[in-house]
Amino acid sequence: MDSETVPSDAASVADRYHSVERLLSGAMALSVGVLGGAAVLVLPLLPALVAVVVLLVAFRLPVFRTAGTATLTTDAAPEAVRDAFTGPTPPVLPFQWGIADSVRTTDGRAEYAISYLFGLRSVTMTVAARETADGSLELTIRAGDRDWASYTVSIRERDGRTTVDVEWAADRRFGLRRLPQTLLAARYREAALDAQGYTTVRWEPSLSV
């Protein structure tokens, strides 16, 4: 198991994202608590308990799935780009390896140890890369023992620059408590990619239920 060094400029962007994300997630959780407390104070006991349960379920129930496509360009050679996407820190995953407590390579897979809830909980994310029959790359990401997302990456040289086409889809649904992360990432993603030498030509995410 080898410890890896992450791109520092992109990790700095990820740290800024993570700081704001924790504040937003905390505010969202606090709002649910306030609404639950208000229900207990205003409503009779049984309806209040029902309201609290409904709020908690709505907050955690998996309701949406993410997907999308993107096009990036870079001055790096196609071989260097391929190495970056198959290495321990794929450029499109800065908000995973950039906030990880440690990044390691085990049996050809990248492993990110990520703690959250102020260190009270943690998860290990793994990224496995393989080449498909048409020469594209497929990244398979797992969080703990569950599938998380998959990315298909096509790399080609065009007009003296390297163009990268990316298509991704979540392999699981997420609850409303994850919505702040999803929306906030859009604000910081271009800066994180730019810090790695990639220009975002197109980034088209989507949400579905």
Foldseek 3Di string as FASTA:
>chain_A
DFFDDDLVQLLVLLVVLVVVLQVVLVVVVVVLVVVLVVLCVPDPDPVSVVSNVVSVCQQWPFDKKKKWKFKKKFLDDLVVLVCCCQDQHNLQPCNQQSQFPTWGADPSKIWGWHADPVRPDIWIKIWHWDADPVRWIKIWIDIHPGTFKMKIWDWDDDPNIIMIMIIMITPGGGHPSCVSVVVSCVVRSQVSSVSVGMHTPDITMDMDD
